[in-house]
């Protein structure tokens, strides 16, 4: 009785191209898997970082796709340069969600000189609301990461 190695040797002797076909198919399969993995990884990598500066008062400032075409954002870092605390809400204003700053250990609102950072790992930040208490103001800087293909050629901020 012939062993498997003998059978392979017989096949390769009669048809030497079989090994090449098998190897080519295996390499094709591996290339396809790597291509799909690269597409997944590329979608998770932010392409662009933008900086915004706003003066916040007791009027709610809503940032959304209508005002900033670069939204939705992947992640944000908010710096409160002072002088007063700022309330921050993501995606829903006044609704206590897991993305509401009031649910984090830094509650009450983001104080002067403090920083708030959140990374959603995908383009999920669709709305951002900033507001100070009555009679208070603050200056904030926002650094946002987003996918470049979502941007228009030149972004105009309409507030």
N, C-alpha and C. Protein backbone atom coordinates (compact mmCIF):
# COMPACT_ATOMS: atom_id res chain seq x y z
N UNK A 1 0.84 -1.17 0.00
CA UNK A 1 0.00 0.00 0.00
C UNK A 1 0.89 1.24 0.00
N UNK A 2 0.56 2.17 -0.87
CA UNK A 2 1.35 3.39 -1.01
C UNK A 2 0.94 4.40 0.05
N UNK A 3 1.93 5.11 0.56
CA UNK A 3 1.62 6.15 1.55
C UNK A 3 1.24 7.45 0.83
N UNK A 4 0.77 8.44 1.63
CA UNK A 4 0.33 9.70 1.05
C UNK A 4 1.46 10.42 0.33
N UNK A 5 2.67 10.34 0.89
CA UNK A 5 3.80 11.02 0.26
C UNK A 5 4.08 10.43 -1.12
N UNK A 6 3.97 9.12 -1.25
CA UNK A 6 4.17 8.48 -2.55
C UNK A 6 3.11 8.94 -3.55
N UNK A 7 1.86 9.03 -3.09
CA UNK A 7 0.78 9.48 -3.99
C UNK A 7 1.04 10.91 -4.46
N UNK A 8 1.47 11.79 -3.55
CA UNK A 8 1.77 13.17 -3.93
C UNK A 8 2.92 13.20 -4.93
N UNK A 9 3.95 12.41 -4.68
CA UNK A 9 5.09 12.37 -5.60
C UNK A 9 4.66 11.90 -6.99
N UNK A 10 3.75 10.91 -7.05
CA UNK A 10 3.28 10.41 -8.34
C UNK A 10 2.51 11.50 -9.08
N UNK A 11 1.62 12.20 -8.34
CA UNK A 11 0.83 13.27 -8.96
C UNK A 11 1.74 14.37 -9.47
N UNK A 12 2.73 14.78 -8.65
CA UNK A 12 3.62 15.86 -9.05
C UNK A 12 4.50 15.45 -10.23
N UNK A 13 4.84 14.15 -10.31
CA UNK A 13 5.67 13.68 -11.41
C UNK A 13 4.88 13.71 -12.72
N UNK A 14 3.59 13.31 -12.64
CA UNK A 14 2.76 13.27 -13.84
C UNK A 14 2.22 14.66 -14.20
N UNK A 15 1.91 15.46 -13.17
CA UNK A 15 1.34 16.79 -13.40
C UNK A 15 2.06 17.81 -12.51
N UNK A 16 3.22 18.30 -12.91
CA UNK A 16 4.01 19.20 -12.06
C UNK A 16 3.32 20.55 -11.80
N UNK A 17 2.37 20.93 -12.62
CA UNK A 17 1.69 22.21 -12.44
C UNK A 17 0.70 22.20 -11.27
N UNK A 18 0.31 21.02 -10.77
CA UNK A 18 -0.68 20.92 -9.69
C UNK A 18 -0.20 21.65 -8.43
N UNK A 19 1.06 21.46 -8.07
CA UNK A 19 1.59 22.13 -6.87
C UNK A 19 1.55 23.65 -7.03
N UNK A 20 1.85 24.12 -8.22
CA UNK A 20 1.80 25.57 -8.47
C UNK A 20 0.38 26.11 -8.35
N UNK A 21 -0.57 25.37 -8.86
CA UNK A 21 -1.97 25.79 -8.79
C UNK A 21 -2.43 25.86 -7.33
N UNK A 22 -2.08 24.85 -6.57
CA UNK A 22 -2.46 24.83 -5.15
C UNK A 22 -1.81 25.99 -4.41
N UNK A 23 -0.53 26.21 -4.64
CA UNK A 23 0.17 27.31 -3.97
C UNK A 23 -0.40 28.66 -4.39
N UNK A 24 -0.71 28.82 -5.66
CA UNK A 24 -1.29 30.06 -6.15
C UNK A 24 -2.64 30.32 -5.49
N UNK A 25 -3.46 29.28 -5.38
CA UNK A 25 -4.77 29.44 -4.76
C UNK A 25 -4.64 29.80 -3.28
N UNK A 26 -3.69 29.17 -2.59
CA UNK A 26 -3.46 29.50 -1.18
C UNK A 26 -3.01 30.95 -1.02
N UNK A 27 -2.10 31.40 -1.86
CA UNK A 27 -1.65 32.79 -1.80
C UNK A 27 -2.78 33.77 -2.12
N UNK A 28 -3.64 33.40 -3.08
CA UNK A 28 -4.80 34.22 -3.40
C UNK A 28 -5.73 34.34 -2.20
N UNK A 29 -5.98 33.22 -1.52
CA UNK A 29 -6.84 33.23 -0.33
C UNK A 29 -6.25 34.11 0.77
N UNK A 30 -4.96 33.98 1.01
CA UNK A 30 -4.29 34.78 2.04
C UNK A 30 -4.35 36.27 1.67
N UNK A 31 -4.11 36.60 0.40
CA UNK A 31 -4.16 37.99 -0.04
C UNK A 31 -5.57 38.57 0.17
N UNK A 32 -6.60 37.79 -0.12
CA UNK A 32 -7.97 38.26 0.08
C UNK A 32 -8.27 38.53 1.55
N UNK A 33 -7.81 37.65 2.42
CA UNK A 33 -8.02 37.83 3.86
C UNK A 33 -7.28 39.08 4.34
N UNK A 34 -6.04 39.26 3.91
CA UNK A 34 -5.28 40.45 4.31
C UNK A 34 -5.90 41.73 3.77
N UNK A 35 -6.44 41.69 2.56
CA UNK A 35 -7.08 42.87 1.98
C UNK A 35 -8.31 43.26 2.80
N UNK A 36 -9.13 42.28 3.18
CA UNK A 36 -10.31 42.57 4.00
C UNK A 36 -9.91 43.12 5.36
N UNK A 37 -8.87 42.57 5.96
CA UNK A 37 -8.40 43.06 7.26
C UNK A 37 -7.87 44.48 7.15
N UNK A 38 -7.17 44.79 6.07
CA UNK A 38 -6.66 46.13 5.86
C UNK A 38 -7.80 47.14 5.73
N UNK A 39 -8.87 46.76 5.03
CA UNK A 39 -10.02 47.65 4.88
C UNK A 39 -10.65 47.94 6.23
N UNK A 40 -10.76 46.94 7.09
CA UNK A 40 -11.32 47.14 8.42
C UNK A 40 -10.43 48.05 9.24
N UNK A 41 -9.13 47.82 9.21
CA UNK A 41 -8.19 48.65 9.97
C UNK A 41 -8.18 50.08 9.45
N UNK A 42 -8.22 50.26 8.13
CA UNK A 42 -8.16 51.60 7.56
C UNK A 42 -9.38 52.43 7.97
N UNK A 43 -10.55 51.80 8.07
CA UNK A 43 -11.75 52.52 8.50
C UNK A 43 -11.64 53.00 9.94
N UNK A 44 -10.85 52.33 10.76
CA UNK A 44 -10.72 52.70 12.16
C UNK A 44 -9.65 53.76 12.39
N UNK A 45 -8.85 54.04 11.39
CA UNK A 45 -7.76 55.01 11.55
C UNK A 45 -8.25 56.39 11.13
N UNK A 46 -8.20 57.36 12.04
CA UNK A 46 -8.63 58.70 11.66
C UNK A 46 -7.67 59.32 10.65
N UNK A 47 -8.23 60.00 9.67
CA UNK A 47 -7.42 60.60 8.62
C UNK A 47 -7.10 62.06 8.89
N UNK A 48 -7.86 62.70 9.75
CA UNK A 48 -7.72 64.14 9.85
C UNK A 48 -8.02 64.60 11.27
N UNK A 49 -7.29 65.61 11.69
CA UNK A 49 -7.50 66.23 13.00
C UNK A 49 -7.83 67.70 12.74
N UNK A 50 -8.91 68.17 13.33
CA UNK A 50 -9.32 69.56 13.17
C UNK A 50 -9.39 70.23 14.53
N UNK A 51 -9.07 71.52 14.56
CA UNK A 51 -9.14 72.31 15.79
C UNK A 51 -10.21 73.38 15.62
N UNK A 52 -11.05 73.51 16.64
CA UNK A 52 -12.10 74.52 16.67
C UNK A 52 -12.01 75.29 17.97
N UNK A 53 -12.38 76.57 17.94
CA UNK A 53 -12.41 77.39 19.14
C UNK A 53 -13.77 78.08 19.22
N UNK A 54 -14.38 78.05 20.41
CA UNK A 54 -15.69 78.65 20.62
C UNK A 54 -15.74 79.37 21.95
N UNK A 55 -16.56 80.42 22.00
CA UNK A 55 -16.89 81.09 23.25
C UNK A 55 -18.27 80.60 23.64
N UNK A 56 -18.38 80.03 24.83
CA UNK A 56 -19.63 79.42 25.29
C UNK A 56 -20.28 80.32 26.33
N UNK A 57 -21.60 80.49 26.23
CA UNK A 57 -22.34 81.24 27.25
C UNK A 57 -23.57 80.43 27.65
N UNK A 58 -24.59 81.08 28.18
CA UNK A 58 -25.77 80.35 28.66
C UNK A 58 -26.70 79.90 27.53
N UNK A 59 -26.40 80.30 26.30
CA UNK A 59 -27.14 79.80 25.14
C UNK A 59 -26.49 78.50 24.69
N UNK A 60 -27.29 77.47 24.50
CA UNK A 60 -26.75 76.16 24.10
C UNK A 60 -26.14 76.26 22.70
N UNK A 61 -24.87 75.88 22.59
CA UNK A 61 -24.20 75.81 21.30
C UNK A 61 -24.31 74.37 20.82
N UNK A 62 -25.01 74.16 19.72
CA UNK A 62 -25.16 72.82 19.15
C UNK A 62 -24.27 72.70 17.92
N UNK A 63 -23.37 71.74 17.94
CA UNK A 63 -22.52 71.45 16.79
C UNK A 63 -23.05 70.17 16.15
N UNK A 64 -23.37 70.25 14.86
CA UNK A 64 -23.89 69.09 14.14
C UNK A 64 -23.43 69.16 12.69
N UNK A 65 -23.88 68.22 11.87
CA UNK A 65 -23.44 68.15 10.47
C UNK A 65 -23.86 69.38 9.67
N UNK A 66 -24.95 70.03 10.05
CA UNK A 66 -25.38 71.23 9.33
C UNK A 66 -24.40 72.38 9.54
N UNK A 67 -23.82 72.48 10.73
CA UNK A 67 -22.90 73.56 11.05
C UNK A 67 -21.45 73.20 10.75
N UNK A 68 -21.11 71.93 10.95
CA UNK A 68 -19.74 71.46 10.71
C UNK A 68 -19.80 70.21 9.82
N UNK A 69 -19.57 70.36 8.52
CA UNK A 69 -19.65 69.21 7.62
C UNK A 69 -18.66 68.09 7.94
N UNK A 70 -17.67 68.36 8.80
CA UNK A 70 -16.70 67.32 9.14
C UNK A 70 -17.29 66.27 10.07
N UNK A 71 -18.46 66.54 10.65
CA UNK A 71 -19.10 65.56 11.53
C UNK A 71 -19.74 64.48 10.67
N UNK A 72 -19.90 63.28 11.17
CA UNK A 72 -19.64 62.80 12.53
C UNK A 72 -18.16 62.59 12.79
N UNK A 73 -17.79 62.80 14.05
CA UNK A 73 -16.41 62.67 14.48
C UNK A 73 -16.17 61.31 15.12
N UNK A 74 -14.90 60.91 15.10
CA UNK A 74 -14.50 59.66 15.73
C UNK A 74 -14.19 59.90 17.20
N UNK A 75 -13.43 60.94 17.48
CA UNK A 75 -13.08 61.26 18.87
C UNK A 75 -12.94 62.76 19.02
N UNK A 76 -13.04 63.21 20.28
CA UNK A 76 -12.88 64.63 20.56
C UNK A 76 -12.10 64.81 21.85
N UNK A 77 -11.39 65.93 21.91
CA UNK A 77 -10.77 66.41 23.14
C UNK A 77 -11.20 67.85 23.30
N UNK A 78 -11.81 68.16 24.45
CA UNK A 78 -12.31 69.50 24.72
C UNK A 78 -11.48 70.10 25.85
N UNK A 79 -10.89 71.27 25.59
CA UNK A 79 -10.14 72.01 26.59
C UNK A 79 -10.96 73.21 27.02
N UNK A 80 -11.20 73.37 28.30
CA UNK A 80 -11.88 74.55 28.81
C UNK A 80 -10.81 75.54 29.25
N UNK A 81 -10.62 76.59 28.46
CA UNK A 81 -9.61 77.61 28.77
C UNK A 81 -10.14 78.66 29.74
N UNK A 82 -11.36 78.48 30.22
CA UNK A 82 -11.92 79.37 31.26
C UNK A 82 -12.84 80.40 30.68
N UNK A 83 -13.45 81.13 31.45
CA UNK A 83 -13.22 81.32 32.87
C UNK A 83 -14.17 80.47 33.73
N UNK A 84 -15.27 79.98 33.16
CA UNK A 84 -16.28 79.28 33.95
C UNK A 84 -16.45 77.84 33.47
N UNK A 85 -17.12 77.00 34.28
CA UNK A 85 -17.38 75.60 33.89
C UNK A 85 -18.31 75.49 32.68
N UNK A 86 -18.16 74.40 31.92
CA UNK A 86 -18.96 74.15 30.72
C UNK A 86 -19.61 72.78 30.85
N UNK A 87 -20.92 72.72 30.55
CA UNK A 87 -21.63 71.43 30.47
C UNK A 87 -21.46 70.90 29.05
N UNK A 88 -21.16 69.62 28.93
CA UNK A 88 -20.96 68.99 27.63
C UNK A 88 -21.90 67.81 27.49
N UNK A 89 -22.61 67.76 26.37
CA UNK A 89 -23.48 66.63 26.06
C UNK A 89 -23.13 66.13 24.67
N UNK A 90 -23.10 64.82 24.50
CA UNK A 90 -22.84 64.22 23.19
C UNK A 90 -24.10 63.54 22.69
N UNK A 91 -24.48 63.86 21.47
CA UNK A 91 -25.57 63.23 20.73
C UNK A 91 -26.97 63.56 21.24
N UNK A 92 -27.20 63.78 22.54
CA UNK A 92 -28.52 64.15 23.07
C UNK A 92 -28.35 65.23 24.11
N UNK A 93 -29.04 66.34 23.93
CA UNK A 93 -28.94 67.43 24.89
C UNK A 93 -29.88 67.20 26.06
N UNK A 94 -29.34 67.32 27.26
CA UNK A 94 -30.15 67.23 28.46
C UNK A 94 -30.57 65.83 28.84
N UNK A 95 -30.21 64.86 28.05
CA UNK A 95 -30.56 63.47 28.36
C UNK A 95 -29.33 62.82 28.98
N UNK A 96 -29.51 62.22 30.12
CA UNK A 96 -28.37 61.58 30.77
C UNK A 96 -28.10 60.24 30.10
N UNK A 97 -27.04 60.21 29.30
CA UNK A 97 -26.63 58.99 28.63
C UNK A 97 -25.22 58.67 29.07
N UNK A 98 -24.70 57.54 28.62
CA UNK A 98 -23.33 57.19 29.02
C UNK A 98 -22.32 58.16 28.43
N UNK A 99 -22.71 58.93 27.43
CA UNK A 99 -21.81 59.89 26.82
C UNK A 99 -21.97 61.29 27.39
N UNK A 100 -22.83 61.44 28.38
CA UNK A 100 -23.07 62.72 29.02
C UNK A 100 -21.96 62.96 30.03
N UNK A 101 -21.34 64.13 29.97
CA UNK A 101 -20.24 64.43 30.90
C UNK A 101 -20.70 64.29 32.35
N UNK A 102 -21.98 64.54 32.61
CA UNK A 102 -22.48 64.44 33.98
C UNK A 102 -22.40 63.02 34.52
N UNK A 103 -22.17 62.04 33.66
CA UNK A 103 -22.08 60.66 34.11
C UNK A 103 -20.64 60.25 34.41
N UNK A 104 -19.69 61.15 34.17
CA UNK A 104 -18.29 60.80 34.39
C UNK A 104 -17.84 61.28 35.76
N UNK A 105 -16.72 60.76 36.26
CA UNK A 105 -16.24 61.18 37.57
C UNK A 105 -15.87 62.65 37.66
N UNK A 106 -15.74 63.35 36.53
CA UNK A 106 -15.37 64.77 36.57
C UNK A 106 -16.57 65.68 36.75
N UNK A 107 -17.77 65.11 37.00
CA UNK A 107 -18.95 65.92 37.25
C UNK A 107 -18.76 66.67 38.56
N UNK A 108 -19.16 67.89 38.71
CA UNK A 108 -19.93 68.79 37.86
C UNK A 108 -19.19 69.13 36.57
N UNK A 109 -19.72 70.09 35.81
CA UNK A 109 -19.23 70.35 34.46
C UNK A 109 -17.71 70.54 34.37
N UNK A 110 -17.27 70.58 33.12
CA UNK A 110 -15.85 70.73 32.83
C UNK A 110 -15.35 72.08 33.33
N UNK A 111 -14.52 72.07 34.34
CA UNK A 111 -14.04 73.30 34.96
C UNK A 111 -12.96 73.98 34.13
N UNK A 112 -12.70 75.24 34.47
CA UNK A 112 -11.66 76.00 33.78
C UNK A 112 -10.32 75.29 33.94
N UNK A 113 -9.62 75.11 32.84
CA UNK A 113 -8.33 74.44 32.85
C UNK A 113 -8.41 72.93 32.73
N UNK A 114 -9.63 72.38 32.71
CA UNK A 114 -9.81 70.93 32.62
C UNK A 114 -9.97 70.47 31.18
N UNK A 115 -9.83 69.17 30.99
CA UNK A 115 -9.92 68.55 29.67
C UNK A 115 -10.90 67.39 29.71
N UNK A 116 -11.66 67.23 28.64
CA UNK A 116 -12.58 66.10 28.47
C UNK A 116 -12.22 65.41 27.17
N UNK A 117 -12.10 64.09 27.20
CA UNK A 117 -11.73 63.35 26.00
C UNK A 117 -12.60 62.11 25.88
N UNK A 118 -13.05 61.83 24.66
CA UNK A 118 -13.80 60.60 24.41
C UNK A 118 -13.45 60.10 23.02
N UNK A 119 -13.29 58.79 22.90
CA UNK A 119 -12.97 58.15 21.63
C UNK A 119 -14.02 57.08 21.38
N UNK A 120 -14.84 57.26 20.36
CA UNK A 120 -15.91 56.32 20.05
C UNK A 120 -15.44 55.19 19.12
N UNK A 121 -14.19 55.26 18.64
CA UNK A 121 -13.60 54.24 17.77
C UNK A 121 -14.27 54.12 16.40
N UNK A 122 -15.22 54.99 16.12
CA UNK A 122 -15.89 55.04 14.82
C UNK A 122 -16.56 56.40 14.72
N UNK A 123 -17.06 56.73 13.56
CA UNK A 123 -17.70 58.04 13.35
C UNK A 123 -19.08 58.07 13.99
N UNK A 124 -19.13 58.19 15.32
CA UNK A 124 -20.40 58.14 16.05
C UNK A 124 -20.76 59.43 16.76
N UNK A 125 -19.86 60.40 16.81
CA UNK A 125 -20.17 61.67 17.47
C UNK A 125 -20.87 62.55 16.44
N UNK A 126 -22.20 62.58 16.50
CA UNK A 126 -23.00 63.27 15.51
C UNK A 126 -23.45 64.65 15.97
N UNK A 127 -23.53 64.83 17.28
CA UNK A 127 -23.93 66.13 17.83
C UNK A 127 -23.13 66.38 19.09
N UNK A 128 -22.79 67.65 19.30
CA UNK A 128 -22.10 68.05 20.52
C UNK A 128 -22.76 69.33 21.01
N UNK A 129 -23.15 69.33 22.28
CA UNK A 129 -23.82 70.49 22.89
C UNK A 129 -22.93 71.04 23.99
N UNK A 130 -22.71 72.35 23.98
CA UNK A 130 -21.91 73.03 24.99
C UNK A 130 -22.72 74.18 25.56
N UNK A 131 -22.72 74.33 26.89
CA UNK A 131 -23.48 75.41 27.52
C UNK A 131 -22.89 75.72 28.89
N UNK A 132 -22.93 77.00 29.25
CA UNK A 132 -22.53 77.45 30.59
C UNK A 132 -23.78 77.79 31.38
N UNK A 133 -23.63 77.91 32.67
CA UNK A 133 -24.75 78.34 33.50
C UNK A 133 -25.06 79.81 33.23
N UNK A 134 -26.25 80.24 33.63
CA UNK A 134 -26.72 81.61 33.38
C UNK A 134 -25.70 82.64 33.87
N UNK A 135 -25.33 83.58 32.99
CA UNK A 135 -24.41 84.66 33.34
C UNK A 135 -22.94 84.28 33.32
N UNK A 136 -22.60 83.07 32.93
CA UNK A 136 -21.20 82.62 32.90
C UNK A 136 -20.77 82.42 31.45
N UNK A 137 -19.46 82.50 31.20
CA UNK A 137 -18.90 82.28 29.87
C UNK A 137 -17.60 81.50 29.99
N UNK A 138 -17.26 80.85 28.91
CA UNK A 138 -16.00 80.10 28.86
C UNK A 138 -15.52 80.05 27.42
N UNK A 139 -14.24 79.89 27.27
CA UNK A 139 -13.62 79.72 25.97
C UNK A 139 -13.14 78.28 25.89
N UNK A 140 -13.54 77.57 24.83
CA UNK A 140 -13.15 76.16 24.70
C UNK A 140 -12.45 75.93 23.37
N UNK A 141 -11.54 74.98 23.41
CA UNK A 141 -10.89 74.48 22.19
C UNK A 141 -11.29 73.02 22.03
N UNK A 142 -11.62 72.64 20.81
CA UNK A 142 -12.02 71.26 20.52
C UNK A 142 -11.09 70.72 19.44
N UNK A 143 -10.50 69.58 19.72
CA UNK A 143 -9.73 68.86 18.72
C UNK A 143 -10.53 67.62 18.35
N UNK A 144 -10.90 67.50 17.08
CA UNK A 144 -11.76 66.41 16.63
C UNK A 144 -11.05 65.61 15.54
N UNK A 145 -11.18 64.30 15.61
CA UNK A 145 -10.65 63.43 14.55
C UNK A 145 -11.81 62.89 13.74
N UNK A 146 -11.61 62.83 12.43
CA UNK A 146 -12.66 62.38 11.54
C UNK A 146 -12.05 61.75 10.30
N UNK A 147 -12.91 61.14 9.50
CA UNK A 147 -12.46 60.56 8.24
C UNK A 147 -12.40 61.66 7.19
N UNK A 148 -11.32 61.74 6.46
CA UNK A 148 -11.11 62.81 5.50
C UNK A 148 -12.14 62.80 4.38
N UNK A 149 -12.59 61.62 3.96
CA UNK A 149 -13.51 61.56 2.84
C UNK A 149 -14.87 62.16 3.15
N UNK A 150 -15.17 62.44 4.43
CA UNK A 150 -16.44 63.04 4.82
C UNK A 150 -16.41 64.56 4.66
N UNK A 151 -15.24 65.13 4.44
CA UNK A 151 -15.11 66.59 4.41
C UNK A 151 -15.39 67.15 3.03
N UNK A 152 -15.90 68.36 3.02
CA UNK A 152 -16.01 69.08 1.77
C UNK A 152 -14.66 69.73 1.51
N UNK A 153 -14.50 70.29 0.32
CA UNK A 153 -13.22 70.89 -0.03
C UNK A 153 -12.81 71.96 0.96
N UNK A 154 -13.73 72.83 1.35
CA UNK A 154 -13.43 73.88 2.32
C UNK A 154 -14.61 73.96 3.26
N UNK A 155 -14.33 73.81 4.52
CA UNK A 155 -15.39 73.81 5.52
C UNK A 155 -15.66 75.21 6.01
N UNK A 156 -16.92 75.60 6.01
CA UNK A 156 -17.33 76.89 6.54
C UNK A 156 -18.11 76.64 7.82
N UNK A 157 -17.74 77.29 8.89
CA UNK A 157 -18.43 77.13 10.16
C UNK A 157 -19.56 78.16 10.21
N UNK A 158 -20.80 77.66 10.34
CA UNK A 158 -21.98 78.53 10.42
C UNK A 158 -22.59 78.36 11.80
N UNK A 159 -22.41 79.36 12.64
CA UNK A 159 -22.95 79.28 14.00
C UNK A 159 -24.05 80.32 14.20
